[in-house]
N, C-alpha and C. Protein backbone atom coordinates (compact mmCIF):
# COMPACT_ATOMS: atom_id res chain seq x y z
N MET A 1 41.12 -21.06 14.19
CA MET A 1 41.19 -20.15 15.32
C MET A 1 39.82 -19.53 15.55
N PRO A 2 39.28 -19.70 16.76
CA PRO A 2 37.94 -19.17 17.04
C PRO A 2 37.92 -17.64 16.97
N THR A 3 36.82 -17.14 16.45
CA THR A 3 36.63 -15.69 16.39
C THR A 3 36.15 -15.19 17.74
N VAL A 4 36.15 -13.88 17.90
CA VAL A 4 35.63 -13.28 19.13
C VAL A 4 34.17 -13.70 19.32
N ALA A 5 33.41 -13.69 18.21
CA ALA A 5 31.99 -14.08 18.30
C ALA A 5 31.85 -15.52 18.79
N ASP A 6 32.71 -16.40 18.30
CA ASP A 6 32.68 -17.80 18.75
C ASP A 6 32.96 -17.91 20.24
N LYS A 7 33.93 -17.14 20.71
CA LYS A 7 34.28 -17.16 22.13
C LYS A 7 33.12 -16.63 22.99
N VAL A 8 32.51 -15.54 22.52
CA VAL A 8 31.38 -14.96 23.26
C VAL A 8 30.23 -15.97 23.29
N TYR A 9 29.97 -16.60 22.16
CA TYR A 9 28.90 -17.59 22.07
C TYR A 9 29.15 -18.74 23.05
N ASP A 10 30.36 -19.27 23.05
CA ASP A 10 30.69 -20.37 23.96
C ASP A 10 30.54 -19.95 25.42
N GLU A 11 30.98 -18.74 25.73
CA GLU A 11 30.82 -18.22 27.10
C GLU A 11 29.34 -18.07 27.45
N ALA A 12 28.56 -17.56 26.50
CA ALA A 12 27.14 -17.35 26.75
C ALA A 12 26.43 -18.67 27.03
N LEU A 13 26.82 -19.72 26.33
CA LEU A 13 26.20 -21.04 26.55
C LEU A 13 26.46 -21.58 27.94
N SER A 14 27.51 -21.12 28.56
CA SER A 14 27.82 -21.61 29.91
C SER A 14 27.01 -20.89 30.99
N LEU A 15 26.30 -19.84 30.61
CA LEU A 15 25.49 -19.08 31.58
C LEU A 15 24.19 -19.82 31.89
N PRO A 16 23.60 -19.55 33.05
CA PRO A 16 22.28 -20.12 33.36
C PRO A 16 21.23 -19.61 32.37
N ALA A 17 20.18 -20.38 32.18
CA ALA A 17 19.16 -20.06 31.18
C ALA A 17 18.58 -18.66 31.37
N ASP A 18 18.24 -18.26 32.60
CA ASP A 18 17.63 -16.95 32.81
C ASP A 18 18.60 -15.82 32.46
N THR A 19 19.87 -16.03 32.68
CA THR A 19 20.88 -15.03 32.33
C THR A 19 21.02 -14.95 30.81
N ARG A 20 20.97 -16.11 30.13
CA ARG A 20 21.03 -16.13 28.66
C ARG A 20 19.84 -15.41 28.06
N ILE A 21 18.66 -15.61 28.66
CA ILE A 21 17.45 -14.92 28.18
C ILE A 21 17.64 -13.41 28.29
N GLY A 22 18.16 -12.95 29.42
CA GLY A 22 18.41 -11.53 29.58
C GLY A 22 19.41 -11.01 28.56
N LEU A 23 20.42 -11.80 28.28
CA LEU A 23 21.43 -11.42 27.29
C LEU A 23 20.81 -11.33 25.90
N VAL A 24 19.98 -12.30 25.56
CA VAL A 24 19.29 -12.28 24.26
C VAL A 24 18.43 -11.04 24.14
N GLU A 25 17.68 -10.73 25.18
CA GLU A 25 16.81 -9.54 25.15
C GLU A 25 17.64 -8.27 24.95
N ARG A 26 18.77 -8.18 25.63
CA ARG A 26 19.62 -7.00 25.49
C ARG A 26 20.20 -6.91 24.07
N LEU A 27 20.63 -8.05 23.53
CA LEU A 27 21.17 -8.05 22.17
C LEU A 27 20.11 -7.67 21.14
N LEU A 28 18.92 -8.23 21.30
CA LEU A 28 17.83 -7.90 20.36
C LEU A 28 17.45 -6.43 20.44
N SER A 29 17.39 -5.89 21.65
CA SER A 29 17.02 -4.48 21.78
C SER A 29 18.09 -3.57 21.17
N SER A 30 19.33 -4.04 21.12
CA SER A 30 20.41 -3.23 20.51
C SER A 30 20.25 -3.12 19.00
N LEU A 31 19.42 -3.98 18.40
CA LEU A 31 19.21 -3.94 16.96
C LEU A 31 18.16 -2.91 16.55
N ASN A 32 17.48 -2.32 17.54
CA ASN A 32 16.44 -1.32 17.28
C ASN A 32 15.33 -1.84 16.39
N LEU A 33 14.95 -3.10 16.59
CA LEU A 33 13.85 -3.69 15.84
C LEU A 33 12.54 -3.11 16.36
N PRO A 34 11.51 -3.09 15.51
CA PRO A 34 10.22 -2.58 16.00
C PRO A 34 9.68 -3.46 17.12
N THR A 35 9.01 -2.84 18.06
CA THR A 35 8.42 -3.58 19.17
C THR A 35 7.10 -4.20 18.72
N ARG A 36 6.60 -5.12 19.51
CA ARG A 36 5.32 -5.76 19.20
C ARG A 36 4.22 -4.71 19.08
N LYS A 37 4.24 -3.71 19.98
CA LYS A 37 3.23 -2.65 19.94
C LYS A 37 3.34 -1.85 18.64
N GLU A 38 4.56 -1.56 18.23
CA GLU A 38 4.74 -0.81 16.98
C GLU A 38 4.23 -1.61 15.78
N ILE A 39 4.50 -2.90 15.78
CA ILE A 39 4.01 -3.76 14.69
C ILE A 39 2.49 -3.81 14.71
N ASP A 40 1.90 -3.99 15.89
CA ASP A 40 0.44 -4.02 16.00
C ASP A 40 -0.17 -2.70 15.55
N ASP A 41 0.45 -1.58 15.91
CA ASP A 41 -0.05 -0.26 15.49
C ASP A 41 0.00 -0.12 13.97
N LEU A 42 1.09 -0.60 13.36
CA LEU A 42 1.20 -0.52 11.90
C LEU A 42 0.13 -1.37 11.21
N TRP A 43 -0.14 -2.55 11.76
CA TRP A 43 -1.18 -3.40 11.19
C TRP A 43 -2.56 -2.74 11.35
N ALA A 44 -2.79 -2.11 12.48
CA ALA A 44 -4.07 -1.42 12.69
C ALA A 44 -4.23 -0.28 11.69
N GLN A 45 -3.16 0.47 11.45
CA GLN A 45 -3.20 1.55 10.46
C GLN A 45 -3.50 1.00 9.06
N GLU A 46 -2.87 -0.12 8.73
CA GLU A 46 -3.10 -0.73 7.42
C GLU A 46 -4.55 -1.20 7.29
N ALA A 47 -5.08 -1.80 8.35
CA ALA A 47 -6.47 -2.25 8.32
C ALA A 47 -7.42 -1.06 8.13
N GLU A 48 -7.16 0.03 8.83
CA GLU A 48 -7.98 1.24 8.68
C GLU A 48 -7.89 1.78 7.27
N ARG A 49 -6.69 1.79 6.70
CA ARG A 49 -6.49 2.28 5.33
C ARG A 49 -7.31 1.45 4.35
N ARG A 50 -7.27 0.13 4.53
CA ARG A 50 -8.00 -0.75 3.63
C ARG A 50 -9.51 -0.59 3.79
N LEU A 51 -9.97 -0.44 5.04
CA LEU A 51 -11.40 -0.22 5.26
C LEU A 51 -11.87 1.07 4.60
N THR A 52 -11.06 2.09 4.69
CA THR A 52 -11.39 3.36 4.05
C THR A 52 -11.49 3.18 2.54
N GLN A 53 -10.56 2.42 1.95
CA GLN A 53 -10.62 2.16 0.51
C GLN A 53 -11.89 1.41 0.14
N ILE A 54 -12.28 0.45 0.96
CA ILE A 54 -13.51 -0.30 0.70
C ILE A 54 -14.71 0.62 0.81
N ASP A 55 -14.78 1.40 1.90
CA ASP A 55 -15.90 2.31 2.11
C ASP A 55 -16.03 3.33 0.99
N ASN A 56 -14.90 3.76 0.43
CA ASN A 56 -14.91 4.76 -0.64
C ASN A 56 -15.05 4.15 -2.03
N GLY A 57 -15.17 2.82 -2.11
CA GLY A 57 -15.32 2.15 -3.39
C GLY A 57 -14.06 2.21 -4.24
N GLU A 58 -12.91 2.34 -3.63
CA GLU A 58 -11.65 2.47 -4.36
C GLU A 58 -11.06 1.12 -4.77
N VAL A 59 -11.57 0.04 -4.20
CA VAL A 59 -11.05 -1.28 -4.51
C VAL A 59 -12.19 -2.20 -4.88
N LYS A 60 -11.89 -3.22 -5.69
CA LYS A 60 -12.89 -4.21 -6.06
C LYS A 60 -12.76 -5.40 -5.12
N LEU A 61 -13.83 -5.76 -4.46
CA LEU A 61 -13.81 -6.91 -3.56
C LEU A 61 -14.10 -8.17 -4.36
N ILE A 62 -13.38 -9.23 -4.05
CA ILE A 62 -13.55 -10.51 -4.73
C ILE A 62 -13.97 -11.54 -3.67
N PRO A 63 -15.10 -12.23 -3.92
CA PRO A 63 -15.54 -13.24 -2.96
C PRO A 63 -14.46 -14.29 -2.73
N GLY A 64 -14.36 -14.76 -1.49
CA GLY A 64 -13.35 -15.73 -1.12
C GLY A 64 -13.37 -16.99 -1.97
N GLU A 65 -14.56 -17.50 -2.27
CA GLU A 65 -14.65 -18.72 -3.09
C GLU A 65 -14.03 -18.51 -4.46
N GLU A 66 -14.21 -17.32 -5.03
CA GLU A 66 -13.60 -17.02 -6.33
C GLU A 66 -12.07 -16.99 -6.21
N VAL A 67 -11.58 -16.41 -5.16
CA VAL A 67 -10.13 -16.35 -4.93
C VAL A 67 -9.57 -17.76 -4.82
N PHE A 68 -10.19 -18.62 -4.01
CA PHE A 68 -9.70 -19.97 -3.82
C PHE A 68 -9.82 -20.81 -5.09
N GLU A 69 -10.87 -20.58 -5.86
CA GLU A 69 -11.03 -21.29 -7.12
C GLU A 69 -9.91 -20.92 -8.08
N ASN A 70 -9.57 -19.63 -8.14
CA ASN A 70 -8.46 -19.19 -8.99
C ASN A 70 -7.13 -19.81 -8.55
N ILE A 71 -6.94 -19.91 -7.24
CA ILE A 71 -5.71 -20.53 -6.72
C ILE A 71 -5.67 -22.00 -7.10
N ARG A 72 -6.81 -22.69 -6.94
CA ARG A 72 -6.86 -24.11 -7.29
C ARG A 72 -6.54 -24.31 -8.77
N LYS A 73 -7.11 -23.47 -9.63
CA LYS A 73 -6.84 -23.57 -11.06
C LYS A 73 -5.37 -23.31 -11.37
N LYS A 74 -4.82 -22.31 -10.73
CA LYS A 74 -3.44 -21.92 -11.00
C LYS A 74 -2.45 -23.03 -10.61
N TYR A 75 -2.72 -23.71 -9.50
CA TYR A 75 -1.77 -24.69 -9.00
C TYR A 75 -2.22 -26.14 -9.23
N ALA A 76 -3.26 -26.34 -10.03
CA ALA A 76 -3.71 -27.70 -10.33
C ALA A 76 -2.64 -28.42 -11.15
N GLN A 77 -2.45 -29.67 -10.86
CA GLN A 77 -1.43 -30.45 -11.57
C GLN A 77 -2.07 -31.40 -12.52
């Protein structure tokens, strides 16, 4: 016996593509997920935090070649 969700899904598939897109957008917004701008703002804050740590000498920087060499050693077969 199909569930209500199954029935809604089947009905939604019968809608035109642009209407389905609108429905998807409405459903996603109902989840209260962070927006692209909010995500970008959080990444910018994180980048600023890390730059401050570097400027203040709070972290040890490791050259990229050393990082990749360690990865190669770790996963060498």
